[in-house]
Amino acid sequence: MTPLAHGIGGRSDLPVPLWLAVLGGAVAVLVSFFALVAFWTKPRLRGAEAGRPFPPGLQRFLDSRSARVELRILGLILGALVLFVAWLGPPNSARNPASTWFYVWFWVGLAPLSVLFGPVWRLLNPLRTLAGVLRATVLRGGPVRELPTGLGYWPAIASLSAFLWLELVYDRADVPDTVAVFLTAYGLVHVAAGVAYGPRWFDRGDGFEVYSSLLAHLAPVGRRADGRLVLRNPLDGLATLRPAPGLVALVCLLLGSTAFDGLTRTRVWGDLTFNVDRTLYLLVGTAGLVLAFQFVLGTYTAVMWLTRRRVSEASGIEGRFVHSLVPISLGYTIAHYFSFAVFQGQAGVILAVDPLGWRPFGPGGSIDYTVVSARTIAWVQVAAIVIGHIVGVAAAHDRAVATFSERDQRAAQYPLLALMVLYTTGGIALLVGT
């Protein structure tokens, strides 16, 4: 077994040159935009009004108290298991599965589960459950504090920033003790906040639950405005995302973090951090992560500023179009983690045979690196980035058609289109290039 590590395909894995992959991605985004302009001339997305209802019996089962309680118990068991193994298992990730369970099974798995089935972590979240139990038993259901006005998603941004720094910058992130300390501290903070502010805290403060709920807007399963569970066009779900303080920064943080990870795989970054001491390495990594976030936030803000100057209806425009970045974030996430999940995810199964390290020679078994070819990995990366941007273009176009006059529609979209082409080409170059 090897220590936990990200793995992505390199430039040589593509059956075409990198420049051709970059050019093809840009052309795909441009062609999709002009096709939308030609054929998508009226708003088509109905948002919270769209969807085909589930059969009544199935809805009653899914919304039943027993189903909710079972999911809460499952979440508690899984959370306790990871903590138990992290604290008491072997001291390295080559023998201890807690690091793989946390970074791969939980963090990476949260995206596809949320996109397929909706905000699953809201139903499983053991921190939400513990806070509710403490409020009911210790405080006897006393009054909850009101969240400060305008707080929005900023607590979730702080939570996710701490995790992303741990995952992408900290050089001992895979050590089980690091995972144990982080999860314990994270849990204590959010359970205390949940007790003080009630369940609404987790909707805005728990970074993992907010992340799951954000991606769940793309799920084919959702709720209509009347509360019915429905099957829907994922773009209709995306259209239900509404502006809130910090939402733009949250999405830009997710995009910036994947861009930073791609940067750290390049030769330029390797040369920059070669032979530096640990303290300087952490400082450079922290600065790189912050700058990547600032770049994404700055370019999006600049594009929205240009758009405001070109149209008459421009109030709150940053929040109205930020939903178009969510599928782009998902595309980057797939590209960023695909091979990591396929390969390192196997370690979670292999090490689960002996999670506490009782066998003197380890659990046996090894990761099969032939499950997916390097060429397939590279193609999945490129396709995920391009498709994510095409979906983002479609979401932005429908919002523009619904928001602006016919005269302003194209003018409003050109700056954002240019930004999406930049993100497409840059994303492919970082994740597939060397």
Protein backbone atom coordinates (compact mmCIF):
# COMPACT_ATOMS: atom_id res chain seq x y z
CA MET A 1 0.00 0.00 0.00
CA THR A 2 1.15 3.54 -0.67
CA PRO A 3 0.32 6.72 1.26
CA LEU A 4 -2.71 8.66 0.23
CA ALA A 5 -2.02 10.69 -2.90
CA HIS A 6 -3.91 12.33 -5.73
CA GLY A 7 -3.47 10.90 -9.18
CA ILE A 8 -4.41 12.51 -12.51
CA GLY A 9 -3.61 11.74 -16.09
CA GLY A 10 -0.83 13.62 -17.79
CA ARG A 11 -0.52 15.22 -21.17
CA SER A 12 1.02 12.14 -22.73
CA ASP A 13 -2.07 10.13 -21.83
CA LEU A 14 -4.18 11.87 -24.47
CA PRO A 15 -4.28 10.41 -27.97
CA VAL A 16 -4.22 14.00 -29.29
CA PRO A 17 -1.83 16.87 -28.49
CA LEU A 18 -2.68 19.07 -25.52
CA TRP A 19 -3.14 22.13 -27.77
CA LEU A 20 -5.75 20.25 -29.78
CA ALA A 21 -7.64 19.21 -26.64
CA VAL A 22 -7.63 22.81 -25.41
CA LEU A 23 -8.77 24.14 -28.79
CA GLY A 24 -11.47 21.47 -29.04
CA GLY A 25 -12.81 22.37 -25.60
CA ALA A 26 -12.99 26.06 -26.46
CA VAL A 27 -14.73 25.38 -29.77
CA ALA A 28 -17.28 23.11 -28.07
CA VAL A 29 -18.23 25.85 -25.62
CA LEU A 30 -18.48 28.48 -28.37
CA VAL A 31 -20.55 26.28 -30.67
CA SER A 32 -22.94 25.40 -27.86
CA PHE A 33 -23.43 29.08 -27.05
CA PHE A 34 -24.28 30.14 -30.59
CA ALA A 35 -26.59 27.13 -30.97
CA LEU A 36 -28.41 28.24 -27.82
CA VAL A 37 -28.70 31.80 -29.11
CA ALA A 38 -30.22 30.51 -32.34
CA PHE A 39 -32.66 27.95 -30.95
CA TRP A 40 -33.27 28.83 -27.27
CA THR A 41 -35.05 32.14 -27.67
CA LYS A 42 -37.49 31.95 -24.74
CA PRO A 43 -37.07 30.92 -21.08
CA ARG A 44 -37.59 27.17 -20.76
CA LEU A 45 -36.58 26.40 -17.20
CA ARG A 46 -39.42 26.43 -14.67
CA GLY A 47 -37.32 25.98 -11.56
CA ALA A 48 -39.31 25.03 -8.47
CA GLU A 49 -42.49 24.52 -10.54
CA ALA A 50 -40.99 21.77 -12.70
CA GLY A 51 -40.88 18.03 -12.25
CA ARG A 52 -42.92 14.84 -12.41
CA PRO A 53 -44.14 13.79 -8.93
CA PHE A 54 -43.07 10.53 -7.32
CA PRO A 55 -45.81 7.94 -6.74
CA PRO A 56 -47.63 8.85 -3.49
CA GLY A 57 -46.62 5.61 -1.74
CA LEU A 58 -42.93 6.12 -2.50
CA GLN A 59 -43.07 9.72 -1.33
CA ARG A 60 -44.72 8.71 1.95
CA PHE A 61 -41.99 6.13 2.55
CA LEU A 62 -39.13 8.51 1.75
CA ASP A 63 -40.60 11.26 3.92
CA SER A 64 -41.56 8.93 6.76
CA ARG A 65 -40.15 9.43 10.22
CA SER A 66 -38.79 5.87 10.31
CA ALA A 67 -36.79 6.37 7.11
CA ARG A 68 -35.36 9.65 8.44
CA VAL A 69 -34.43 8.08 11.78
CA GLU A 70 -32.71 5.15 10.06
CA LEU A 71 -30.64 7.52 7.95
CA ARG A 72 -29.67 9.53 11.04
CA ILE A 73 -28.57 6.37 12.83
CA LEU A 74 -26.58 5.27 9.78
CA GLY A 75 -24.83 8.65 9.71
CA LEU A 76 -23.93 8.38 13.39
CA ILE A 77 -22.55 4.86 12.94
CA LEU A 78 -20.43 5.80 9.93
CA GLY A 79 -19.09 8.95 11.59
CA ALA A 80 -18.24 7.10 14.80
CA LEU A 81 -16.50 4.33 12.84
CA VAL A 82 -14.23 6.75 10.97
CA LEU A 83 -13.32 8.58 14.19
CA PHE A 84 -12.72 5.35 16.09
CA VAL A 85 -10.38 3.97 13.44
CA ALA A 86 -8.62 7.33 12.98
CA TRP A 87 -7.86 7.61 16.69
CA LEU A 88 -7.10 3.97 17.52
CA GLY A 89 -5.92 2.42 14.26
CA PRO A 90 -2.37 2.19 12.86
CA PRO A 91 -0.45 5.50 12.73
CA ASN A 92 -0.08 5.73 8.93
CA SER A 93 -2.44 5.76 5.96
CA ALA A 94 -0.73 2.73 4.41
CA ARG A 95 -2.32 0.63 7.18
CA ASN A 96 -5.15 2.81 8.48
CA PRO A 97 -8.23 3.21 6.22
CA ALA A 98 -9.58 6.31 8.02
CA SER A 99 -7.74 8.72 5.72
CA THR A 100 -9.05 6.99 2.59
CA TRP A 101 -12.55 6.77 4.04
CA PHE A 102 -12.52 10.49 4.78
CA TYR A 103 -10.79 11.98 1.74
CA VAL A 104 -11.99 9.51 -0.90
CA TRP A 105 -15.15 7.75 0.20
CA PHE A 106 -16.67 10.75 1.98
CA TRP A 107 -15.30 13.89 0.32
CA VAL A 108 -15.07 12.55 -3.22
CA GLY A 109 -18.16 10.38 -2.91
CA LEU A 110 -20.25 13.28 -1.64
CA ALA A 111 -20.34 14.88 -5.09
CA PRO A 112 -21.81 12.00 -7.14
CA LEU A 113 -24.22 11.02 -4.36
CA SER A 114 -25.53 14.59 -4.11
CA VAL A 115 -25.80 15.01 -7.87
CA LEU A 116 -27.68 11.73 -8.24
CA PHE A 117 -29.92 11.70 -5.16
CA GLY A 118 -30.08 15.25 -3.80
CA PRO A 119 -28.78 16.69 -0.50
CA VAL A 120 -27.97 13.31 1.05
CA TRP A 121 -25.59 14.66 3.68
CA ARG A 122 -28.40 16.73 5.17
CA LEU A 123 -30.18 13.45 5.96
CA LEU A 124 -27.09 11.59 7.17
CA ASN A 125 -25.14 14.39 8.88
CA PRO A 126 -24.23 13.09 12.37
CA LEU A 127 -23.38 16.60 13.57
CA ARG A 128 -26.92 17.79 12.81
CA THR A 129 -28.25 14.74 14.67
CA LEU A 130 -26.02 15.24 17.72
CA ALA A 131 -26.90 18.93 17.94
CA GLY A 132 -30.62 18.11 17.76
CA VAL A 133 -30.31 15.47 20.49
CA LEU A 134 -28.35 17.82 22.76
CA ARG A 135 -30.87 20.59 22.27
CA ALA A 136 -33.75 18.27 23.10
CA THR A 137 -32.14 16.61 26.13
CA VAL A 138 -29.81 19.18 27.68
CA LEU A 139 -31.50 22.45 26.79
CA ARG A 140 -34.98 20.96 26.78
CA GLY A 141 -35.70 22.51 23.39
CA GLY A 142 -35.05 26.07 24.59
CA PRO A 143 -35.06 29.07 22.26
CA VAL A 144 -32.46 29.21 19.50
CA ARG A 145 -30.40 32.24 18.65
CA GLU A 146 -31.05 34.01 15.39
CA LEU A 147 -28.26 33.83 12.84
CA PRO A 148 -26.81 37.31 12.28
CA THR A 149 -28.40 39.18 9.39
CA GLY A 150 -26.30 38.96 6.26
CA LEU A 151 -24.21 36.05 7.54
CA GLY A 152 -25.13 33.95 4.52
CA TYR A 153 -22.65 31.27 3.51
CA TRP A 154 -19.58 32.81 5.13
CA PRO A 155 -19.36 30.23 7.97
CA ALA A 156 -19.46 27.45 5.36
CA ILE A 157 -16.69 29.21 3.44
CA ALA A 158 -14.57 29.21 6.59
CA SER A 159 -15.31 25.51 7.15
CA LEU A 160 -14.47 24.51 3.59
CA SER A 161 -11.37 26.71 3.54
CA ALA A 162 -10.01 24.88 6.58
CA PHE A 163 -10.67 21.50 4.97
CA LEU A 164 -9.26 22.49 1.57
CA TRP A 165 -6.10 23.84 3.19
CA LEU A 166 -5.75 20.56 5.05
CA GLU A 167 -6.28 18.49 1.92
CA LEU A 168 -4.30 20.52 -0.59
CA VAL A 169 -1.60 22.31 1.39
CA TYR A 170 -0.83 20.54 4.65
CA ASP A 171 1.94 18.01 4.08
CA ARG A 172 0.73 15.57 6.74
CA ALA A 173 -2.92 15.54 5.77
CA ASP A 174 -3.02 11.78 5.27
CA VAL A 175 -1.74 10.94 8.76
CA PRO A 176 -4.62 9.32 10.68
CA ASP A 177 -3.96 11.51 13.74
CA THR A 178 -4.41 14.58 11.54
CA VAL A 179 -7.75 13.25 10.30
CA ALA A 180 -8.82 12.42 13.87
CA VAL A 181 -7.92 15.86 15.22
CA PHE A 182 -9.55 17.69 12.32
CA LEU A 183 -12.80 15.73 12.46
CA THR A 184 -13.02 16.01 16.25
CA ALA A 185 -12.42 19.77 16.22
CA TYR A 186 -14.75 20.27 13.27
CA GLY A 187 -17.47 18.25 14.99
CA LEU A 188 -17.17 20.09 18.29
CA VAL A 189 -17.40 23.51 16.61
CA HIS A 190 -20.44 22.67 14.50
CA VAL A 191 -22.32 20.72 17.15
CA ALA A 192 -21.89 23.66 19.54
CA ALA A 193 -23.07 26.09 16.86
CA GLY A 194 -25.98 23.80 16.00
CA VAL A 195 -27.05 23.70 19.63
CA ALA A 196 -26.89 27.48 19.85
CA TYR A 197 -28.46 28.41 16.51
CA GLY A 198 -30.63 25.38 15.75
CA PRO A 199 -30.84 23.30 12.57
CA ARG A 200 -30.54 26.32 10.30
CA TRP A 201 -26.87 26.58 11.26
CA PHE A 202 -26.04 23.51 9.18
CA ASP A 203 -27.73 25.01 6.11
CA ARG A 204 -25.23 27.88 6.19
CA GLY A 205 -22.33 26.88 8.43
CA ASP A 206 -21.40 23.23 7.89
CA GLY A 207 -19.18 23.30 4.83
CA PHE A 208 -19.78 19.67 3.89
CA GLU A 209 -23.56 19.94 4.14
CA VAL A 210 -23.58 23.21 2.21
CA TYR A 211 -21.37 21.65 -0.47
CA SER A 212 -23.69 18.66 -0.79
CA SER A 213 -26.77 20.88 -0.95
CA LEU A 214 -25.16 23.12 -3.57
CA LEU A 215 -24.39 20.22 -5.92
CA ALA A 216 -27.83 18.73 -5.20
CA HIS A 217 -29.36 21.52 -7.28
CA LEU A 218 -28.14 19.50 -10.27
CA ALA A 219 -29.83 16.30 -9.11
CA PRO A 220 -32.66 14.79 -11.18
CA VAL A 221 -34.47 14.28 -7.85
CA GLY A 222 -35.79 17.35 -6.06
CA ARG A 223 -38.73 19.05 -4.44
CA ARG A 224 -41.26 21.22 -6.17
CA ALA A 225 -42.52 24.43 -4.64
CA ASP A 226 -45.51 22.49 -3.25
CA GLY A 227 -43.19 20.12 -1.36
CA ARG A 228 -43.67 17.10 -3.65
CA LEU A 229 -40.67 14.95 -4.49
CA VAL A 230 -40.21 14.98 -8.26
CA LEU A 231 -38.06 13.81 -11.12
CA ARG A 232 -36.88 16.88 -12.98
CA ASN A 233 -34.52 18.30 -15.55
CA PRO A 234 -31.31 19.02 -13.59
CA LEU A 235 -31.23 22.48 -15.15
CA ASP A 236 -34.58 23.20 -13.52
CA GLY A 237 -33.03 22.27 -10.19
CA LEU A 238 -30.09 24.55 -10.90
CA ALA A 239 -32.50 27.40 -11.65
CA THR A 240 -33.85 27.17 -8.08
CA LEU A 241 -30.52 28.34 -6.61
CA ARG A 242 -31.07 31.86 -5.31
CA PRO A 243 -28.54 34.60 -4.48
CA ALA A 244 -27.39 34.85 -0.87
CA PRO A 245 -24.48 36.58 0.89
CA GLY A 246 -21.29 34.64 0.29
CA LEU A 247 -22.69 32.35 -2.40
CA VAL A 248 -20.45 33.79 -5.12
CA ALA A 249 -17.39 33.42 -2.91
CA LEU A 250 -18.38 29.85 -2.01
CA VAL A 251 -18.59 28.70 -5.62
CA CYS A 252 -15.39 30.55 -6.53
CA LEU A 253 -13.62 28.87 -3.60
CA LEU A 254 -14.55 25.44 -4.97
CA LEU A 255 -13.37 26.37 -8.46
CA GLY A 256 -10.19 27.98 -7.17
CA SER A 257 -9.26 24.98 -5.04
CA THR A 258 -9.37 22.58 -7.98
CA ALA A 259 -7.41 25.04 -10.10
CA PHE A 260 -4.79 25.22 -7.36
CA ASP A 261 -4.53 21.45 -7.15
CA GLY A 262 -4.03 21.29 -10.89
CA LEU A 263 -1.32 23.93 -10.59
CA THR A 264 0.53 21.90 -7.96
CA ARG A 265 0.83 19.03 -10.45
CA THR A 266 2.70 21.17 -12.98
CA ARG A 267 6.43 21.36 -13.53
CA VAL A 268 6.35 25.08 -12.74
CA TRP A 269 5.03 24.42 -9.23
CA GLY A 270 7.50 21.59 -8.74
CA ASP A 271 10.39 23.89 -9.61
CA LEU A 272 9.02 26.59 -7.29
CA THR A 273 8.75 24.33 -4.25
CA PHE A 274 11.77 22.12 -4.91
CA ASN A 275 14.17 21.89 -1.96
CA VAL A 276 12.30 24.41 0.22
CA ASP A 277 11.94 23.77 3.95
CA ARG A 278 8.62 22.70 5.44
CA THR A 279 7.63 26.11 6.79
CA LEU A 280 8.24 27.85 3.49
CA TYR A 281 6.44 25.05 1.65
CA LEU A 282 3.32 25.57 3.77
CA LEU A 283 3.50 29.34 3.34
CA VAL A 284 3.87 29.07 -0.43
CA GLY A 285 1.06 26.53 -0.62
CA THR A 286 -1.24 28.70 1.48
CA ALA A 287 -0.47 31.72 -0.68
CA GLY A 288 -1.09 29.68 -3.83
CA LEU A 289 -4.47 28.46 -2.61
CA VAL A 290 -5.53 32.00 -1.64
CA LEU A 291 -4.36 33.43 -4.96
CA ALA A 292 -6.17 30.74 -6.94
CA PHE A 293 -9.40 31.59 -5.11
CA GLN A 294 -8.81 35.32 -5.62
CA PHE A 295 -8.17 34.76 -9.33
CA VAL A 296 -11.48 32.96 -9.87
CA LEU A 297 -13.40 35.44 -7.72
CA GLY A 298 -11.67 38.40 -9.34
CA THR A 299 -12.26 37.27 -12.92
CA TYR A 300 -15.93 36.47 -12.25
CA THR A 301 -16.45 39.83 -10.51
CA ALA A 302 -14.71 41.66 -13.37
CA VAL A 303 -16.89 39.92 -15.95
CA MET A 304 -20.04 40.83 -14.04
CA TRP A 305 -18.81 44.44 -13.87
CA LEU A 306 -18.41 44.45 -17.65
CA THR A 307 -21.89 42.98 -18.03
CA ARG A 308 -23.43 45.67 -15.83
CA ARG A 309 -21.99 48.31 -18.12
CA ARG A 310 -23.56 46.69 -21.19
CA VAL A 311 -27.17 46.20 -20.03
CA SER A 312 -29.91 48.23 -18.39
CA GLU A 313 -31.22 45.58 -15.91
CA ALA A 314 -28.07 44.90 -13.89
CA SER A 315 -28.94 44.99 -10.18
CA GLY A 316 -27.61 41.99 -8.25
CA ILE A 317 -26.25 40.45 -11.43
CA GLU A 318 -23.39 38.56 -9.72
CA GLY A 319 -25.82 36.54 -7.63
CA ARG A 320 -28.25 35.94 -10.48
CA PHE A 321 -25.66 34.22 -12.67
CA VAL A 322 -23.53 32.42 -10.10
CA HIS A 323 -25.66 29.29 -10.55
CA SER A 324 -24.01 28.86 -13.96
CA LEU A 325 -20.67 28.21 -12.22
CA VAL A 326 -22.00 25.22 -10.25
CA PRO A 327 -21.87 22.70 -13.15
CA ILE A 328 -18.41 24.02 -13.97
CA SER A 329 -17.37 23.32 -10.39
CA LEU A 330 -18.81 19.81 -10.70
CA GLY A 331 -16.92 19.24 -13.95
CA TYR A 332 -13.66 20.30 -12.32
CA THR A 333 -14.41 18.05 -9.34
CA ILE A 334 -14.88 15.01 -11.59
CA ALA A 335 -11.73 15.81 -13.54
CA HIS A 336 -9.79 16.49 -10.36
CA TYR A 337 -10.80 13.37 -8.42
CA PHE A 338 -11.71 10.68 -10.95
CA SER A 339 -8.50 8.68 -10.94
CA PHE A 340 -7.97 9.41 -7.25
CA ALA A 341 -11.33 7.79 -6.49
CA VAL A 342 -10.85 4.83 -8.83
CA PHE A 343 -7.39 3.93 -7.53
CA GLN A 344 -7.12 5.16 -3.95
CA GLY A 345 -10.74 4.24 -3.31
CA GLN A 346 -9.73 0.59 -3.57
CA ALA A 347 -7.52 1.07 -0.52
CA GLY A 348 -10.60 1.76 1.59
CA VAL A 349 -11.81 -1.77 0.88
CA ILE A 350 -8.41 -3.46 1.21
CA LEU A 351 -7.61 -1.79 4.53
CA ALA A 352 -11.11 -2.33 5.93
CA VAL A 353 -10.20 -6.00 6.38
CA ASP A 354 -7.88 -5.00 9.23
CA PRO A 355 -8.72 -1.38 10.19
CA LEU A 356 -7.03 -1.54 13.61
CA GLY A 357 -3.81 -3.11 12.36
CA TRP A 358 -4.01 -6.35 14.32
CA ARG A 359 -2.38 -8.41 11.57
CA PRO A 360 1.42 -8.06 11.80
CA PHE A 361 1.92 -8.11 8.01
CA GLY A 362 -1.02 -5.94 7.04
CA PRO A 363 -4.31 -6.81 5.37
CA GLY A 364 -2.79 -8.00 2.09
CA GLY A 365 -3.93 -7.04 -1.37
CA SER A 366 -2.89 -4.12 -3.53
CA ILE A 367 -4.42 -1.43 -5.68
CA ASP A 368 -5.16 -2.51 -9.26
CA TYR A 369 -3.91 0.32 -11.46
CA THR A 370 -5.12 -1.42 -14.62
CA VAL A 371 -8.83 -0.95 -13.82
CA VAL A 372 -8.88 2.25 -15.87
CA SER A 373 -6.33 3.19 -18.50
CA ALA A 374 -4.41 6.45 -18.42
CA ARG A 375 -6.01 7.42 -21.75
CA THR A 376 -9.51 6.91 -20.32
CA ILE A 377 -8.64 9.04 -17.30
CA ALA A 378 -7.46 11.87 -19.53
CA TRP A 379 -10.58 11.72 -21.71
CA VAL A 380 -12.86 11.71 -18.65
CA GLN A 381 -11.05 14.78 -17.36
CA VAL A 382 -11.43 16.70 -20.59
CA ALA A 383 -15.06 15.63 -21.11
CA ALA A 384 -16.02 16.56 -17.55
CA ILE A 385 -14.59 20.06 -17.91
CA VAL A 386 -16.14 20.69 -21.33
CA ILE A 387 -19.58 19.29 -20.45
CA GLY A 388 -19.60 21.25 -17.19
CA HIS A 389 -18.99 24.45 -19.11
CA ILE A 390 -21.62 23.67 -21.74
CA VAL A 391 -24.22 23.08 -19.01
CA GLY A 392 -23.11 26.33 -17.37
CA VAL A 393 -23.54 28.19 -20.66
CA ALA A 394 -27.06 26.77 -21.03
CA ALA A 395 -28.02 27.79 -17.49
CA ALA A 396 -26.64 31.29 -17.98
CA HIS A 397 -28.37 31.65 -21.34
CA ASP A 398 -31.80 30.74 -19.98
CA ARG A 399 -31.34 33.22 -17.12
CA ALA A 400 -30.24 35.92 -19.57
CA VAL A 401 -33.27 35.30 -21.82
CA ALA A 402 -35.54 35.52 -18.78
CA THR A 403 -33.83 38.61 -17.35
CA PHE A 404 -32.80 40.93 -20.15
CA SER A 405 -34.52 42.55 -23.07
CA GLU A 406 -33.97 41.01 -26.48
CA ARG A 407 -31.60 43.84 -27.31
CA ASP A 408 -29.42 43.20 -24.25
CA GLN A 409 -29.35 39.40 -24.24
CA ARG A 410 -26.27 38.82 -26.37
CA ALA A 411 -24.40 41.80 -24.95
CA ALA A 412 -24.98 40.48 -21.45
CA GLN A 413 -23.64 37.02 -22.24
CA TYR A 414 -20.48 37.78 -24.19
CA PRO A 415 -18.29 38.62 -21.16
CA LEU A 416 -19.43 35.51 -19.30
CA LEU A 417 -18.90 33.41 -22.43
CA ALA A 418 -15.34 34.68 -22.68
CA LEU A 419 -14.79 33.76 -19.03
CA MET A 420 -16.11 30.24 -19.57
CA VAL A 421 -13.80 29.75 -22.54
CA LEU A 422 -10.92 30.91 -20.34
CA TYR A 423 -11.90 28.51 -17.56
CA THR A 424 -12.30 25.65 -20.07
CA THR A 425 -8.91 26.08 -21.69
CA GLY A 426 -7.18 26.81 -18.40
CA GLY A 427 -8.81 23.85 -16.69
CA ILE A 428 -7.78 21.42 -19.42
CA ALA A 429 -4.24 22.78 -19.47
CA LEU A 430 -3.87 22.45 -15.68
CA LEU A 431 -5.49 19.07 -15.21
CA VAL A 432 -4.20 17.31 -18.32
CA GLY A 433 -1.07 19.29 -19.07
CA THR A 434 2.29 18.95 -17.39
